[in-house]
Amino acid sequence: MGNIIARAQGGRAQIVDTSAGVLQTFGVDVQTAIIQGGEVVVTLTNGKTQIYRFNASGRTVFGPVRTF
């Protein structure tokens, strides 16, 4: 198992295992996606921010749990 990273690709956010590849694709109109602790912080093209939370596995997320 490699490292888990978040990235924005083609207007969607992705959770990626650096060894296994894409684990999950989510969101719409995504500009940036970064992991902070147990959450993924996603910035949208309209300037809003969405917070997604990791599931117990630590390999996929659910949400958004907050939008501001």
N, C-alpha and C. Protein backbone atom coordinates (compact mmCIF):
# COMPACT_ATOMS: atom_id res chain seq x y z
N MET A 1 0.84 -1.17 0.00
CA MET A 1 0.00 0.00 0.00
C MET A 1 0.89 1.24 0.00
N GLY A 2 0.53 2.21 -0.84
CA GLY A 2 1.29 3.45 -0.91
C GLY A 2 0.70 4.51 -0.02
N ASN A 3 1.07 5.73 -0.29
CA ASN A 3 0.53 6.86 0.43
C ASN A 3 -0.83 7.24 -0.14
N ILE A 4 -1.68 7.81 0.71
CA ILE A 4 -2.99 8.30 0.26
C ILE A 4 -2.88 9.80 0.04
N ILE A 5 -3.28 10.25 -1.15
CA ILE A 5 -3.26 11.68 -1.47
C ILE A 5 -4.63 12.07 -2.02
N ALA A 6 -4.89 13.38 -2.03
CA ALA A 6 -6.08 13.92 -2.67
C ALA A 6 -5.62 14.84 -3.79
N ARG A 7 -6.41 14.86 -4.87
CA ARG A 7 -6.08 15.75 -5.98
C ARG A 7 -7.36 16.16 -6.69
N ALA A 8 -7.26 17.24 -7.45
CA ALA A 8 -8.35 17.67 -8.32
C ALA A 8 -7.98 17.26 -9.74
N GLN A 9 -8.92 16.63 -10.42
CA GLN A 9 -8.68 16.13 -11.78
C GLN A 9 -9.95 16.27 -12.59
N GLY A 10 -9.93 17.10 -13.62
CA GLY A 10 -11.08 17.23 -14.50
C GLY A 10 -12.34 17.72 -13.80
N GLY A 11 -12.19 18.60 -12.82
CA GLY A 11 -13.34 19.14 -12.12
C GLY A 11 -13.91 18.24 -11.03
N ARG A 12 -13.24 17.14 -10.75
CA ARG A 12 -13.65 16.22 -9.68
C ARG A 12 -12.50 16.07 -8.70
N ALA A 13 -12.81 15.67 -7.48
CA ALA A 13 -11.77 15.36 -6.49
C ALA A 13 -11.53 13.86 -6.53
N GLN A 14 -10.30 13.46 -6.25
CA GLN A 14 -9.96 12.04 -6.22
C GLN A 14 -9.13 11.72 -4.99
N ILE A 15 -9.40 10.56 -4.40
CA ILE A 15 -8.54 9.98 -3.39
C ILE A 15 -7.70 8.93 -4.12
N VAL A 16 -6.39 9.04 -3.98
CA VAL A 16 -5.48 8.19 -4.75
C VAL A 16 -4.50 7.49 -3.81
N ASP A 17 -4.36 6.19 -3.97
CA ASP A 17 -3.28 5.44 -3.34
C ASP A 17 -2.13 5.45 -4.34
N THR A 18 -0.97 5.95 -3.92
CA THR A 18 0.14 6.12 -4.86
C THR A 18 0.64 4.81 -5.45
N SER A 19 0.29 3.68 -4.83
CA SER A 19 0.66 2.37 -5.39
C SER A 19 -0.48 1.74 -6.18
N ALA A 20 -1.71 1.88 -5.68
CA ALA A 20 -2.86 1.17 -6.27
C ALA A 20 -3.67 2.01 -7.25
N GLY A 21 -3.51 3.33 -7.22
CA GLY A 21 -4.26 4.19 -8.13
C GLY A 21 -5.47 4.83 -7.46
N VAL A 22 -6.42 5.26 -8.30
CA VAL A 22 -7.58 6.00 -7.81
C VAL A 22 -8.49 5.08 -6.99
N LEU A 23 -8.82 5.52 -5.77
CA LEU A 23 -9.72 4.78 -4.88
C LEU A 23 -11.14 5.32 -4.95
N GLN A 24 -11.28 6.65 -5.14
CA GLN A 24 -12.60 7.26 -5.14
C GLN A 24 -12.55 8.57 -5.89
N THR A 25 -13.61 8.86 -6.63
CA THR A 25 -13.79 10.13 -7.32
C THR A 25 -15.10 10.74 -6.83
N PHE A 26 -15.09 12.02 -6.51
CA PHE A 26 -16.28 12.65 -5.93
C PHE A 26 -16.25 14.15 -6.19
N GLY A 27 -17.40 14.79 -5.96
CA GLY A 27 -17.52 16.24 -6.08
C GLY A 27 -17.71 16.69 -7.51
N VAL A 28 -18.12 17.95 -7.66
CA VAL A 28 -18.27 18.58 -8.97
C VAL A 28 -17.72 20.00 -8.90
N ASP A 29 -17.20 20.46 -10.02
CA ASP A 29 -16.61 21.81 -10.12
C ASP A 29 -15.49 22.02 -9.10
N VAL A 30 -14.66 21.00 -8.90
CA VAL A 30 -13.57 21.04 -7.92
C VAL A 30 -12.35 21.71 -8.53
N GLN A 31 -11.79 22.66 -7.77
CA GLN A 31 -10.56 23.33 -8.19
C GLN A 31 -9.34 22.75 -7.49
N THR A 32 -9.43 22.55 -6.16
CA THR A 32 -8.33 21.96 -5.40
C THR A 32 -8.87 20.97 -4.38
N ALA A 33 -8.04 20.02 -3.98
CA ALA A 33 -8.39 19.05 -2.95
C ALA A 33 -7.13 18.70 -2.17
N ILE A 34 -7.21 18.84 -0.84
CA ILE A 34 -6.07 18.51 0.01
C ILE A 34 -6.55 17.76 1.24
N ILE A 35 -5.69 16.89 1.75
CA ILE A 35 -5.99 16.16 2.98
C ILE A 35 -5.49 16.97 4.16
N GLN A 36 -6.36 17.15 5.15
CA GLN A 36 -5.98 17.78 6.41
C GLN A 36 -6.52 16.91 7.53
N GLY A 37 -5.65 16.16 8.18
CA GLY A 37 -6.07 15.26 9.24
C GLY A 37 -6.98 14.18 8.69
N GLY A 38 -8.17 14.03 9.29
CA GLY A 38 -9.11 13.02 8.85
C GLY A 38 -10.14 13.54 7.87
N GLU A 39 -9.81 14.65 7.20
CA GLU A 39 -10.75 15.27 6.27
C GLU A 39 -10.06 15.63 4.96
N VAL A 40 -10.88 15.78 3.93
CA VAL A 40 -10.41 16.33 2.66
C VAL A 40 -11.09 17.68 2.48
N VAL A 41 -10.28 18.72 2.28
CA VAL A 41 -10.78 20.07 2.08
C VAL A 41 -10.78 20.33 0.58
N VAL A 42 -11.98 20.61 0.05
CA VAL A 42 -12.17 20.79 -1.39
C VAL A 42 -12.60 22.23 -1.64
N THR A 43 -11.89 22.91 -2.53
CA THR A 43 -12.29 24.24 -2.96
C THR A 43 -12.93 24.13 -4.33
N LEU A 44 -14.11 24.73 -4.47
CA LEU A 44 -14.86 24.68 -5.71
C LEU A 44 -14.52 25.89 -6.59
N THR A 45 -14.86 25.80 -7.86
CA THR A 45 -14.56 26.89 -8.79
C THR A 45 -15.35 28.15 -8.45
N ASN A 46 -16.46 28.03 -7.72
CA ASN A 46 -17.24 29.21 -7.32
C ASN A 46 -16.73 29.85 -6.03
N GLY A 47 -15.62 29.32 -5.47
CA GLY A 47 -15.01 29.88 -4.28
C GLY A 47 -15.47 29.24 -2.98
N LYS A 48 -16.51 28.41 -3.02
CA LYS A 48 -16.96 27.73 -1.81
C LYS A 48 -16.00 26.61 -1.44
N THR A 49 -16.04 26.24 -0.15
CA THR A 49 -15.21 25.16 0.37
C THR A 49 -16.11 24.06 0.92
N GLN A 50 -15.78 22.83 0.60
CA GLN A 50 -16.51 21.68 1.12
C GLN A 50 -15.55 20.79 1.91
N ILE A 51 -16.06 20.23 3.00
CA ILE A 51 -15.29 19.32 3.84
C ILE A 51 -15.87 17.92 3.71
N TYR A 52 -15.03 16.97 3.37
CA TYR A 52 -15.40 15.55 3.31
C TYR A 52 -14.63 14.83 4.41
N ARG A 53 -15.24 13.84 5.03
CA ARG A 53 -14.62 13.13 6.14
C ARG A 53 -14.26 11.71 5.71
N PHE A 54 -13.10 11.23 6.15
CA PHE A 54 -12.69 9.87 5.83
C PHE A 54 -13.56 8.85 6.57
N ASN A 55 -13.88 7.76 5.90
CA ASN A 55 -14.54 6.62 6.54
C ASN A 55 -13.54 5.91 7.44
N ALA A 56 -14.03 4.94 8.22
CA ALA A 56 -13.18 4.20 9.16
C ALA A 56 -11.99 3.53 8.46
N SER A 57 -12.15 3.15 7.20
CA SER A 57 -11.07 2.51 6.45
C SER A 57 -9.90 3.47 6.21
N GLY A 58 -10.17 4.77 6.22
CA GLY A 58 -9.14 5.76 5.91
C GLY A 58 -8.79 5.83 4.45
N ARG A 59 -9.59 5.17 3.60
CA ARG A 59 -9.29 5.13 2.17
C ARG A 59 -10.38 5.73 1.29
N THR A 60 -11.54 6.01 1.85
CA THR A 60 -12.62 6.67 1.12
C THR A 60 -13.25 7.71 2.03
N VAL A 61 -14.01 8.63 1.41
CA VAL A 61 -14.61 9.73 2.17
C VAL A 61 -16.13 9.73 2.00
N PHE A 62 -16.81 10.46 2.89
CA PHE A 62 -18.24 10.70 2.74
C PHE A 62 -18.49 12.18 2.96
N GLY A 63 -19.60 12.65 2.44
CA GLY A 63 -19.95 14.05 2.59
C GLY A 63 -20.41 14.65 1.28
N PRO A 64 -20.41 15.97 1.22
CA PRO A 64 -19.73 16.88 2.15
C PRO A 64 -20.46 16.97 3.50
N VAL A 65 -19.66 17.07 4.56
CA VAL A 65 -20.22 17.22 5.89
C VAL A 65 -20.40 18.70 6.22
N ARG A 66 -19.70 19.58 5.51
CA ARG A 66 -19.84 21.03 5.66
C ARG A 66 -19.55 21.73 4.35
N THR A 67 -20.28 22.80 4.11
CA THR A 67 -20.02 23.67 2.95
C THR A 67 -20.07 25.10 3.45
N PHE A 68 -19.08 25.89 3.08
CA PHE A 68 -19.09 27.31 3.47
C PHE A 68 -18.39 28.15 2.43
